[in-house]
Amino acid sequence: MNEDIQFIIDSTKEGMDAAVRHLEKQFVNIRAGKASPAMLGSVMVDYYGSPTPLSQVANVNTPDGRTISVQPWEKNMLHEIEKAIMVANIGFNPMNNGDMIIINVPPLTEERRRELAKQAKAEAEDGKIGVRNARKDANNDIKKLDDASEDEKKIGEVEIQKLTDIYVKKIDEVLSVKEKEIMTV
């Protein structure tokens, strides 16, 4: 096979891999019912005037499946961290005991589980769009090649389609695992 076509196929595979990895990162942010430090991953704390990720100013732990504890490295940051969690609008009500912040994660209602499953489907669809865009770009790049025969171009397009099918199937598998995790009580 032509070197240029092989290069296009390899770079397309990297792009499709990136789409699946991005989807998996997005799924971490969708909570499935049990507490996880990743739930507070988007919280930015005003640390002496500059916005700083919560993980850089405190230890975030989950002592059990329904509780998140935030232990700041500086006691005077308790109020700022508490305020940042409320401002982040992630649906948690932090409790400050003067030493650490404790967040009780309420169990998900059936309606909320369905909403999260819809959100997961939307994220999966975005991942599929990323894969299809990589396919479109690769096919356009293959068509622009001057030094490849029509047969080589056709073989390259078939390989790109096979990759697309594989990665769309991977996204569907990741989605089904996440939906199962969300809907499990």
N, C-alpha and C. Protein backbone atom coordinates (compact mmCIF):
# COMPACT_ATOMS: atom_id res chain seq x y z
N MET A 1 0.84 -1.19 0.00
CA MET A 1 0.00 0.00 0.00
C MET A 1 0.89 1.25 0.00
N ASN A 2 0.41 2.28 -0.59
CA ASN A 2 1.11 3.56 -0.70
C ASN A 2 1.44 4.11 0.70
N GLU A 3 2.65 4.67 0.86
CA GLU A 3 3.07 5.21 2.16
C GLU A 3 2.17 6.33 2.64
N ASP A 4 1.78 7.21 1.73
CA ASP A 4 0.92 8.33 2.10
C ASP A 4 -0.43 7.85 2.61
N ILE A 5 -0.99 6.85 1.96
CA ILE A 5 -2.28 6.31 2.39
C ILE A 5 -2.14 5.66 3.76
N GLN A 6 -1.04 4.91 3.96
CA GLN A 6 -0.82 4.28 5.27
C GLN A 6 -0.68 5.33 6.36
N PHE A 7 0.01 6.44 6.05
CA PHE A 7 0.16 7.53 7.01
C PHE A 7 -1.20 8.13 7.35
N ILE A 8 -2.04 8.33 6.35
CA ILE A 8 -3.39 8.88 6.58
C ILE A 8 -4.20 7.93 7.45
N ILE A 9 -4.10 6.64 7.18
CA ILE A 9 -4.83 5.63 7.98
C ILE A 9 -4.35 5.66 9.43
N ASP A 10 -3.02 5.71 9.63
CA ASP A 10 -2.48 5.74 11.00
C ASP A 10 -2.90 7.00 11.75
N SER A 11 -2.85 8.14 11.09
CA SER A 11 -3.24 9.38 11.77
C SER A 11 -4.74 9.40 12.05
N THR A 12 -5.54 8.79 11.17
CA THR A 12 -6.98 8.69 11.40
C THR A 12 -7.26 7.81 12.61
N LYS A 13 -6.50 6.72 12.73
CA LYS A 13 -6.67 5.83 13.87
C LYS A 13 -6.36 6.58 15.17
N GLU A 14 -5.31 7.41 15.16
CA GLU A 14 -4.99 8.21 16.34
C GLU A 14 -6.12 9.18 16.68
N GLY A 15 -6.69 9.79 15.65
CA GLY A 15 -7.81 10.71 15.87
C GLY A 15 -9.03 10.01 16.45
N MET A 16 -9.31 8.83 15.97
CA MET A 16 -10.44 8.05 16.46
C MET A 16 -10.19 7.58 17.89
N ASP A 17 -8.93 7.20 18.18
CA ASP A 17 -8.56 6.83 19.56
C ASP A 17 -8.79 8.01 20.49
N ALA A 18 -8.40 9.19 20.04
CA ALA A 18 -8.57 10.40 20.85
C ALA A 18 -10.05 10.66 21.12
N ALA A 19 -10.92 10.41 20.15
CA ALA A 19 -12.36 10.60 20.34
C ALA A 19 -12.89 9.66 21.41
N VAL A 20 -12.43 8.40 21.40
CA VAL A 20 -12.88 7.42 22.41
C VAL A 20 -12.34 7.80 23.79
N ARG A 21 -11.08 8.21 23.86
CA ARG A 21 -10.50 8.63 25.15
C ARG A 21 -11.24 9.84 25.71
N HIS A 22 -11.57 10.78 24.85
CA HIS A 22 -12.31 11.97 25.29
C HIS A 22 -13.68 11.56 25.84
N LEU A 23 -14.34 10.63 25.16
CA LEU A 23 -15.63 10.15 25.63
C LEU A 23 -15.51 9.52 27.01
N GLU A 24 -14.47 8.71 27.21
CA GLU A 24 -14.28 8.08 28.51
C GLU A 24 -14.04 9.12 29.60
N LYS A 25 -13.31 10.19 29.28
CA LYS A 25 -13.11 11.27 30.26
C LYS A 25 -14.42 11.97 30.57
N GLN A 26 -15.25 12.17 29.55
CA GLN A 26 -16.54 12.81 29.76
C GLN A 26 -17.44 11.92 30.64
N PHE A 27 -17.35 10.62 30.45
CA PHE A 27 -18.17 9.70 31.23
C PHE A 27 -17.78 9.71 32.71
N VAL A 28 -16.52 10.00 33.00
CA VAL A 28 -16.09 10.07 34.41
C VAL A 28 -16.85 11.18 35.13
N ASN A 29 -17.16 12.26 34.41
CA ASN A 29 -17.86 13.39 35.01
C ASN A 29 -19.35 13.13 35.23
N ILE A 30 -19.89 12.10 34.59
CA ILE A 30 -21.29 11.75 34.80
C ILE A 30 -21.35 10.77 35.96
N ARG A 31 -21.94 11.22 37.06
CA ARG A 31 -21.91 10.36 38.25
C ARG A 31 -22.91 9.24 38.12
N ALA A 32 -22.54 8.10 38.63
CA ALA A 32 -23.37 6.91 38.47
C ALA A 32 -24.05 6.48 39.75
N GLY A 33 -23.92 7.21 40.83
CA GLY A 33 -24.61 6.83 42.05
C GLY A 33 -23.70 6.73 43.25
N LYS A 34 -22.45 6.37 43.03
CA LYS A 34 -21.55 6.32 44.17
C LYS A 34 -20.58 7.50 44.11
N ALA A 35 -20.14 7.91 45.27
CA ALA A 35 -19.27 9.08 45.37
C ALA A 35 -17.91 8.81 44.72
N SER A 36 -17.36 9.85 44.10
CA SER A 36 -16.06 9.75 43.46
C SER A 36 -15.37 11.10 43.51
N PRO A 37 -14.06 11.13 43.77
CA PRO A 37 -13.35 12.42 43.78
C PRO A 37 -13.44 13.14 42.44
N ALA A 38 -13.64 12.39 41.36
CA ALA A 38 -13.75 13.02 40.04
C ALA A 38 -14.97 13.92 39.93
N MET A 39 -15.96 13.72 40.79
CA MET A 39 -17.15 14.58 40.78
C MET A 39 -16.81 16.04 41.05
N LEU A 40 -15.72 16.25 41.77
CA LEU A 40 -15.31 17.61 42.10
C LEU A 40 -14.18 18.08 41.19
N GLY A 41 -13.94 17.36 40.11
CA GLY A 41 -12.84 17.69 39.21
C GLY A 41 -12.97 19.05 38.54
N SER A 42 -14.20 19.52 38.36
CA SER A 42 -14.41 20.80 37.67
C SER A 42 -14.42 21.99 38.62
N VAL A 43 -14.28 21.75 39.92
CA VAL A 43 -14.34 22.83 40.91
C VAL A 43 -13.04 23.63 40.92
N MET A 44 -13.16 24.94 40.73
CA MET A 44 -12.01 25.85 40.76
C MET A 44 -12.12 26.72 42.00
N VAL A 45 -11.06 26.74 42.81
CA VAL A 45 -11.03 27.48 44.06
C VAL A 45 -10.25 28.77 43.85
N ASP A 46 -10.74 29.86 44.44
CA ASP A 46 -10.01 31.13 44.39
C ASP A 46 -8.89 31.05 45.41
N TYR A 47 -7.68 30.72 44.94
CA TYR A 47 -6.53 30.52 45.81
C TYR A 47 -5.66 31.77 45.74
N TYR A 48 -5.83 32.65 46.70
CA TYR A 48 -5.09 33.91 46.77
C TYR A 48 -5.19 34.69 45.45
N GLY A 49 -6.41 34.75 44.91
CA GLY A 49 -6.65 35.57 43.74
C GLY A 49 -6.59 34.86 42.40
N SER A 50 -6.10 33.63 42.36
CA SER A 50 -6.07 32.93 41.07
C SER A 50 -6.89 31.65 41.15
N PRO A 51 -7.69 31.36 40.10
CA PRO A 51 -8.49 30.13 40.11
C PRO A 51 -7.58 28.90 40.01
N THR A 52 -7.77 27.99 40.94
CA THR A 52 -6.92 26.81 41.04
C THR A 52 -7.80 25.57 41.19
N PRO A 53 -7.49 24.46 40.51
CA PRO A 53 -8.28 23.23 40.69
C PRO A 53 -8.28 22.79 42.15
N LEU A 54 -9.42 22.29 42.60
CA LEU A 54 -9.58 21.85 43.99
C LEU A 54 -8.52 20.83 44.38
N SER A 55 -8.15 19.95 43.47
CA SER A 55 -7.17 18.91 43.78
C SER A 55 -5.79 19.46 44.11
N GLN A 56 -5.54 20.75 43.77
CA GLN A 56 -4.24 21.35 44.05
C GLN A 56 -4.21 22.13 45.36
N VAL A 57 -5.36 22.22 46.04
CA VAL A 57 -5.38 22.93 47.33
C VAL A 57 -5.90 22.05 48.47
N ALA A 58 -6.30 20.81 48.14
CA ALA A 58 -6.86 19.94 49.18
C ALA A 58 -6.79 18.48 48.76
N ASN A 59 -6.86 17.59 49.77
CA ASN A 59 -7.03 16.16 49.52
C ASN A 59 -8.51 15.88 49.35
N VAL A 60 -8.88 15.18 48.31
CA VAL A 60 -10.28 14.82 48.08
C VAL A 60 -10.36 13.30 48.18
N ASN A 61 -11.15 12.81 49.14
CA ASN A 61 -11.26 11.37 49.38
C ASN A 61 -12.71 10.94 49.42
N THR A 62 -12.94 9.64 49.29
CA THR A 62 -14.28 9.08 49.47
C THR A 62 -14.20 8.00 50.55
N PRO A 63 -14.52 8.38 51.80
CA PRO A 63 -14.45 7.39 52.88
C PRO A 63 -15.44 6.25 52.70
N ASP A 64 -16.58 6.52 52.06
CA ASP A 64 -17.53 5.46 51.75
C ASP A 64 -18.24 5.81 50.44
N GLY A 65 -19.17 4.99 50.02
CA GLY A 65 -19.83 5.17 48.73
C GLY A 65 -20.75 6.37 48.62
N ARG A 66 -21.07 6.99 49.75
CA ARG A 66 -22.02 8.11 49.74
C ARG A 66 -21.43 9.42 50.25
N THR A 67 -20.13 9.44 50.55
CA THR A 67 -19.53 10.63 51.15
C THR A 67 -18.24 11.01 50.44
N ILE A 68 -18.06 12.32 50.27
CA ILE A 68 -16.80 12.86 49.77
C ILE A 68 -16.25 13.77 50.85
N SER A 69 -14.99 13.58 51.21
CA SER A 69 -14.39 14.47 52.20
C SER A 69 -13.29 15.29 51.52
N VAL A 70 -13.25 16.57 51.87
CA VAL A 70 -12.26 17.48 51.30
C VAL A 70 -11.46 18.04 52.46
N GLN A 71 -10.18 17.70 52.52
CA GLN A 71 -9.29 18.14 53.59
C GLN A 71 -8.32 19.17 53.01
N PRO A 72 -8.55 20.48 53.27
CA PRO A 72 -7.65 21.49 52.70
C PRO A 72 -6.27 21.43 53.35
N TRP A 73 -5.26 21.83 52.58
CA TRP A 73 -3.90 21.83 53.10
C TRP A 73 -3.66 23.06 53.97
N GLU A 74 -4.48 24.08 53.78
CA GLU A 74 -4.43 25.27 54.64
C GLU A 74 -5.82 25.48 55.22
N LYS A 75 -5.91 25.57 56.55
CA LYS A 75 -7.22 25.69 57.20
C LYS A 75 -7.98 26.93 56.75
N ASN A 76 -7.25 28.02 56.45
CA ASN A 76 -7.95 29.24 56.07
C ASN A 76 -8.61 29.13 54.69
N MET A 77 -8.40 28.04 53.97
CA MET A 77 -9.02 27.83 52.65
C MET A 77 -10.38 27.14 52.75
N LEU A 78 -10.79 26.72 53.96
CA LEU A 78 -12.06 26.01 54.12
C LEU A 78 -13.22 26.78 53.50
N HIS A 79 -13.35 28.05 53.86
CA HIS A 79 -14.49 28.85 53.38
C HIS A 79 -14.44 29.01 51.86
N GLU A 80 -13.25 29.25 51.31
CA GLU A 80 -13.10 29.43 49.86
C GLU A 80 -13.48 28.14 49.11
N ILE A 81 -13.07 27.00 49.64
CA ILE A 81 -13.39 25.71 49.00
C ILE A 81 -14.89 25.46 49.07
N GLU A 82 -15.48 25.73 50.21
CA GLU A 82 -16.92 25.55 50.38
C GLU A 82 -17.68 26.43 49.38
N LYS A 83 -17.25 27.66 49.26
CA LYS A 83 -17.88 28.60 48.33
C LYS A 83 -17.72 28.11 46.89
N ALA A 84 -16.54 27.63 46.54
CA ALA A 84 -16.27 27.16 45.18
C ALA A 84 -17.15 25.95 44.82
N ILE A 85 -17.38 25.06 45.78
CA ILE A 85 -18.22 23.88 45.53
C ILE A 85 -19.66 24.34 45.26
N MET A 86 -20.12 25.32 46.01
CA MET A 86 -21.48 25.83 45.79
C MET A 86 -21.59 26.55 44.45
N VAL A 87 -20.59 27.34 44.11
CA VAL A 87 -20.60 28.11 42.86
C VAL A 87 -20.52 27.18 41.65
N ALA A 88 -19.85 26.04 41.80
CA ALA A 88 -19.69 25.10 40.68
C ALA A 88 -21.02 24.53 40.22
N ASN A 89 -22.06 24.65 41.03
CA ASN A 89 -23.41 24.23 40.66
C ASN A 89 -23.46 22.76 40.21
N ILE A 90 -22.89 21.89 41.04
CA ILE A 90 -22.91 20.46 40.72
C ILE A 90 -23.92 19.70 41.58
N GLY A 91 -24.72 20.45 42.32
CA GLY A 91 -25.82 19.84 43.07
C GLY A 91 -25.44 19.29 44.43
N PHE A 92 -24.33 19.71 44.98
CA PHE A 92 -23.90 19.24 46.30
C PHE A 92 -24.02 20.35 47.31
N ASN A 93 -24.32 19.96 48.55
CA ASN A 93 -24.40 20.91 49.65
C ASN A 93 -23.28 20.57 50.64
N PRO A 94 -22.15 21.30 50.58
CA PRO A 94 -21.02 20.98 51.46
C PRO A 94 -21.29 21.36 52.91
N MET A 95 -20.78 20.54 53.83
CA MET A 95 -20.87 20.83 55.26
C MET A 95 -19.46 21.04 55.80
N ASN A 96 -19.25 22.15 56.47
CA ASN A 96 -17.94 22.52 57.01
C ASN A 96 -17.95 22.23 58.51
N ASN A 97 -17.05 21.35 58.96
CA ASN A 97 -16.99 21.05 60.39
C ASN A 97 -15.81 21.76 61.06
N GLY A 98 -15.22 22.73 60.39
CA GLY A 98 -14.10 23.48 60.95
C GLY A 98 -12.75 22.85 60.68
N ASP A 99 -12.73 21.60 60.27
CA ASP A 99 -11.49 20.89 60.01
C ASP A 99 -11.43 20.42 58.56
N MET A 100 -12.58 20.00 58.05
CA MET A 100 -12.68 19.51 56.68
C MET A 100 -14.10 19.77 56.17
N ILE A 101 -14.28 19.56 54.88
CA ILE A 101 -15.59 19.71 54.28
C ILE A 101 -16.10 18.31 53.94
N ILE A 102 -17.34 18.04 54.33
CA ILE A 102 -17.94 16.74 54.08
C ILE A 102 -19.13 16.96 53.15
N ILE A 103 -19.20 16.15 52.11
CA ILE A 103 -20.30 16.25 51.16
C ILE A 103 -21.00 14.90 51.13
N ASN A 104 -22.29 14.90 51.47
CA ASN A 104 -23.09 13.69 51.36
C ASN A 104 -23.68 13.63 49.96
N VAL A 105 -23.41 12.55 49.26
CA VAL A 105 -23.92 12.38 47.90
C VAL A 105 -25.25 11.64 48.00
N PRO A 106 -26.35 12.33 47.64
CA PRO A 106 -27.66 11.67 47.76
C PRO A 106 -27.81 10.58 46.71
N PRO A 107 -28.59 9.53 47.03
CA PRO A 107 -28.82 8.50 46.02
C PRO A 107 -29.62 9.09 44.86
N LEU A 108 -29.39 8.56 43.67
CA LEU A 108 -30.07 9.08 42.49
C LEU A 108 -31.50 8.58 42.41
N THR A 109 -32.40 9.46 42.01
CA THR A 109 -33.79 9.05 41.76
C THR A 109 -33.86 8.40 40.38
N GLU A 110 -34.95 7.70 40.12
CA GLU A 110 -35.11 7.04 38.82
C GLU A 110 -35.11 8.08 37.70
N GLU A 111 -35.77 9.21 37.94
CA GLU A 111 -35.82 10.26 36.93
C GLU A 111 -34.42 10.81 36.63
N ARG A 112 -33.64 11.02 37.69
CA ARG A 112 -32.29 11.54 37.51
C ARG A 112 -31.41 10.53 36.79
N ARG A 113 -31.61 9.25 37.09
CA ARG A 113 -30.85 8.20 36.39
C ARG A 113 -31.13 8.25 34.89
N ARG A 114 -32.42 8.44 34.53
CA ARG A 114 -32.77 8.52 33.10
C ARG A 114 -32.13 9.74 32.45
N GLU A 115 -32.12 10.88 33.18
CA GLU A 115 -31.48 12.10 32.66
C GLU A 115 -29.99 11.85 32.40
N LEU A 116 -29.33 11.20 33.37
CA LEU A 116 -27.90 10.92 33.21
C LEU A 116 -27.65 9.96 32.06
N ALA A 117 -28.56 8.99 31.87
CA ALA A 117 -28.41 8.06 30.75
C ALA A 117 -28.55 8.81 29.42
N LYS A 118 -29.49 9.77 29.37
CA LYS A 118 -29.63 10.59 28.15
C LYS A 118 -28.38 11.42 27.92
N GLN A 119 -27.83 11.97 28.99
CA GLN A 119 -26.61 12.76 28.88
C GLN A 119 -25.46 11.88 28.36
N ALA A 120 -25.39 10.65 28.86
CA ALA A 120 -24.35 9.72 28.40
C ALA A 120 -24.53 9.41 26.91
N LYS A 121 -25.78 9.23 26.47
CA LYS A 121 -26.04 8.97 25.05
C LYS A 121 -25.61 10.16 24.20
N ALA A 122 -25.89 11.38 24.69
CA ALA A 122 -25.49 12.58 23.94
C ALA A 122 -23.97 12.65 23.83
N GLU A 123 -23.27 12.35 24.91
CA GLU A 123 -21.79 12.35 24.87
C GLU A 123 -21.27 11.29 23.90
N ALA A 124 -21.92 10.11 23.90
CA ALA A 124 -21.51 9.04 22.98
C ALA A 124 -21.74 9.48 21.54
N GLU A 125 -22.85 10.17 21.30
CA GLU A 125 -23.12 10.65 19.94
C GLU A 125 -22.06 11.66 19.51
N ASP A 126 -21.62 12.52 20.44
CA ASP A 126 -20.54 13.46 20.14
C ASP A 126 -19.26 12.70 19.79
N GLY A 127 -19.01 11.61 20.51
CA GLY A 127 -17.84 10.78 20.21
C GLY A 127 -17.93 10.17 18.81
N LYS A 128 -19.13 9.70 18.44
CA LYS A 128 -19.33 9.13 17.11
C LYS A 128 -19.13 10.21 16.04
N ILE A 129 -19.58 11.41 16.33
CA ILE A 129 -19.40 12.51 15.37
C ILE A 129 -17.90 12.77 15.17
N GLY A 130 -17.13 12.72 16.27
CA GLY A 130 -15.68 12.88 16.17
C GLY A 130 -15.05 11.81 15.30
N VAL A 131 -15.51 10.57 15.44
CA VAL A 131 -14.99 9.46 14.63
C VAL A 131 -15.35 9.67 13.16
N ARG A 132 -16.60 10.07 12.92
CA ARG A 132 -17.03 10.29 11.52
C ARG A 132 -16.29 11.46 10.89
N ASN A 133 -16.02 12.50 11.68
CA ASN A 133 -15.25 13.63 11.15
C ASN A 133 -13.84 13.19 10.77
N ALA A 134 -13.25 12.33 11.59
CA ALA A 134 -11.91 11.81 11.27
C ALA A 134 -11.97 11.01 9.97
N ARG A 135 -13.05 10.24 9.79
CA ARG A 135 -13.22 9.47 8.55
C ARG A 135 -13.34 10.41 7.35
N LYS A 136 -14.16 11.44 7.49
CA LYS A 136 -14.36 12.39 6.39
C LYS A 136 -13.04 13.07 6.00
N ASP A 137 -12.30 13.51 7.01
CA ASP A 137 -11.01 14.16 6.74
C ASP A 137 -10.05 13.21 6.04
N ALA A 138 -10.01 11.97 6.50
CA ALA A 138 -9.11 10.98 5.91
C ALA A 138 -9.50 10.70 4.46
N ASN A 139 -10.79 10.53 4.20
CA ASN A 139 -11.23 10.26 2.83
C ASN A 139 -10.91 11.44 1.91
N ASN A 140 -11.07 12.66 2.41
CA ASN A 140 -10.73 13.84 1.61
C ASN A 140 -9.22 13.87 1.32
N ASP A 141 -8.41 13.54 2.35
CA ASP A 141 -6.96 13.52 2.16
C ASP A 141 -6.55 12.47 1.13
N ILE A 142 -7.21 11.31 1.18
CA ILE A 142 -6.89 10.24 0.23
C ILE A 142 -7.25 10.68 -1.19
N LYS A 143 -8.40 11.33 -1.36
CA LYS A 143 -8.81 11.78 -2.69
C LYS A 143 -7.87 12.83 -3.26
N LYS A 144 -7.20 13.60 -2.38
CA LYS A 144 -6.29 14.65 -2.83
C LYS A 144 -4.93 14.11 -3.27
N LEU A 145 -4.62 12.86 -2.93
CA LEU A 145 -3.31 12.30 -3.27
C LEU A 145 -3.16 12.18 -4.79
N ASP A 146 -2.00 12.61 -5.29
CA ASP A 146 -1.74 12.55 -6.73
C ASP A 146 -0.95 11.30 -7.12
N ASP A 147 -0.11 10.82 -6.19
CA ASP A 147 0.79 9.72 -6.54
C ASP A 147 0.24 8.33 -6.23
N ALA A 148 -1.08 8.24 -5.97
CA ALA A 148 -1.67 6.94 -5.68
C ALA A 148 -2.65 6.57 -6.80
N SER A 149 -2.72 5.27 -7.11
CA SER A 149 -3.65 4.82 -8.15
C SER A 149 -5.08 4.81 -7.58
N GLU A 150 -6.04 4.72 -8.46
CA GLU A 150 -7.45 4.69 -8.04
C GLU A 150 -7.71 3.47 -7.14
N ASP A 151 -7.10 2.34 -7.48
CA ASP A 151 -7.29 1.13 -6.68
C ASP A 151 -6.74 1.32 -5.26
N GLU A 152 -5.55 1.92 -5.16
CA GLU A 152 -4.97 2.16 -3.83
C GLU A 152 -5.86 3.10 -3.02
N LYS A 153 -6.39 4.11 -3.68
CA LYS A 153 -7.28 5.06 -2.99
C LYS A 153 -8.53 4.34 -2.49
N LYS A 154 -9.07 3.46 -3.32
CA LYS A 154 -10.28 2.72 -2.94
C LYS A 154 -9.99 1.81 -1.75
N ILE A 155 -8.84 1.13 -1.78
CA ILE A 155 -8.44 0.25 -0.67
C ILE A 155 -8.29 1.08 0.61
N GLY A 156 -7.67 2.25 0.49
CA GLY A 156 -7.51 3.14 1.65
C GLY A 156 -8.84 3.56 2.22
N GLU A 157 -9.81 3.90 1.36
CA GLU A 157 -11.13 4.30 1.83
C GLU A 157 -11.84 3.14 2.54
N VAL A 158 -11.66 1.94 2.02
CA VAL A 158 -12.27 0.75 2.65
C VAL A 158 -11.66 0.54 4.04
N GLU A 159 -10.33 0.70 4.15
CA GLU A 159 -9.66 0.57 5.46
C GLU A 159 -10.17 1.62 6.44
N ILE A 160 -10.34 2.84 5.97
CA ILE A 160 -10.86 3.91 6.82
C ILE A 160 -12.27 3.57 7.31
N GLN A 161 -13.10 3.02 6.42
CA GLN A 161 -14.46 2.64 6.81
C GLN A 161 -14.43 1.52 7.85
N LYS A 162 -13.51 0.56 7.68
CA LYS A 162 -13.38 -0.52 8.68
C LYS A 162 -13.02 0.07 10.04
N LEU A 163 -12.06 1.01 10.05
CA LEU A 163 -11.68 1.67 11.31
C LEU A 163 -12.88 2.38 11.92
N THR A 164 -13.64 3.08 11.08
CA THR A 164 -14.81 3.80 11.57
C THR A 164 -15.79 2.84 12.23
N ASP A 165 -16.06 1.71 11.59
CA ASP A 165 -16.99 0.73 12.14
C ASP A 165 -16.48 0.19 13.48
N ILE A 166 -15.18 -0.08 13.57
CA ILE A 166 -14.60 -0.59 14.81
C ILE A 166 -14.76 0.42 15.94
N TYR A 167 -14.45 1.69 15.66
CA TYR A 167 -14.50 2.70 16.72
C TYR A 167 -15.92 3.08 17.11
N VAL A 168 -16.85 3.05 16.16
CA VAL A 168 -18.26 3.29 16.51
C VAL A 168 -18.75 2.16 17.42
N LYS A 169 -18.32 0.94 17.12
CA LYS A 169 -18.70 -0.21 17.96
C LYS A 169 -18.09 -0.05 19.37
N LYS A 170 -16.83 0.41 19.45
CA LYS A 170 -16.20 0.65 20.76
C LYS A 170 -16.99 1.66 21.56
N ILE A 171 -17.41 2.74 20.89
CA ILE A 171 -18.18 3.78 21.58
C ILE A 171 -19.49 3.21 22.08
N ASP A 172 -20.16 2.38 21.28
CA ASP A 172 -21.41 1.76 21.72
C ASP A 172 -21.18 0.86 22.94
N GLU A 173 -20.05 0.13 22.96
CA GLU A 173 -19.74 -0.73 24.10
C GLU A 173 -19.49 0.09 25.36
N VAL A 174 -18.72 1.18 25.22
CA VAL A 174 -18.45 2.05 26.37
C VAL A 174 -19.75 2.65 26.89
N LEU A 175 -20.64 3.04 25.98
CA LEU A 175 -21.93 3.62 26.36
C LEU A 175 -22.78 2.60 27.10
N SER A 176 -22.83 1.37 26.61
CA SER A 176 -23.67 0.37 27.27
C SER A 176 -23.17 0.07 28.69
N VAL A 177 -21.85 0.06 28.87
CA VAL A 177 -21.29 -0.15 30.21
C VAL A 177 -21.68 1.01 31.13
N LYS A 178 -21.59 2.24 30.62
CA LYS A 178 -21.91 3.42 31.43
C LYS A 178 -23.41 3.45 31.74
N GLU A 179 -24.25 3.13 30.76
CA GLU A 179 -25.70 3.12 31.01
C GLU A 179 -26.06 2.09 32.07
N LYS A 180 -25.42 0.93 32.01
CA LYS A 180 -25.67 -0.11 33.00
C LYS A 180 -25.26 0.38 34.38
N GLU A 181 -24.10 1.05 34.45
CA GLU A 181 -23.61 1.60 35.71
C GLU A 181 -24.55 2.66 36.26
N ILE A 182 -25.10 3.51 35.38
CA ILE A 182 -26.01 4.57 35.80
C ILE A 182 -27.32 3.98 36.31
N MET A 183 -27.86 3.01 35.60
CA MET A 183 -29.18 2.49 35.94
C MET A 183 -29.17 1.49 37.10
N THR A 184 -27.99 1.02 37.52
CA THR A 184 -27.89 0.11 38.65
C THR A 184 -28.13 0.87 39.95
N VAL A 185 -29.07 0.37 40.74
CA VAL A 185 -29.40 1.03 42.01
C VAL A 185 -28.49 0.54 43.11
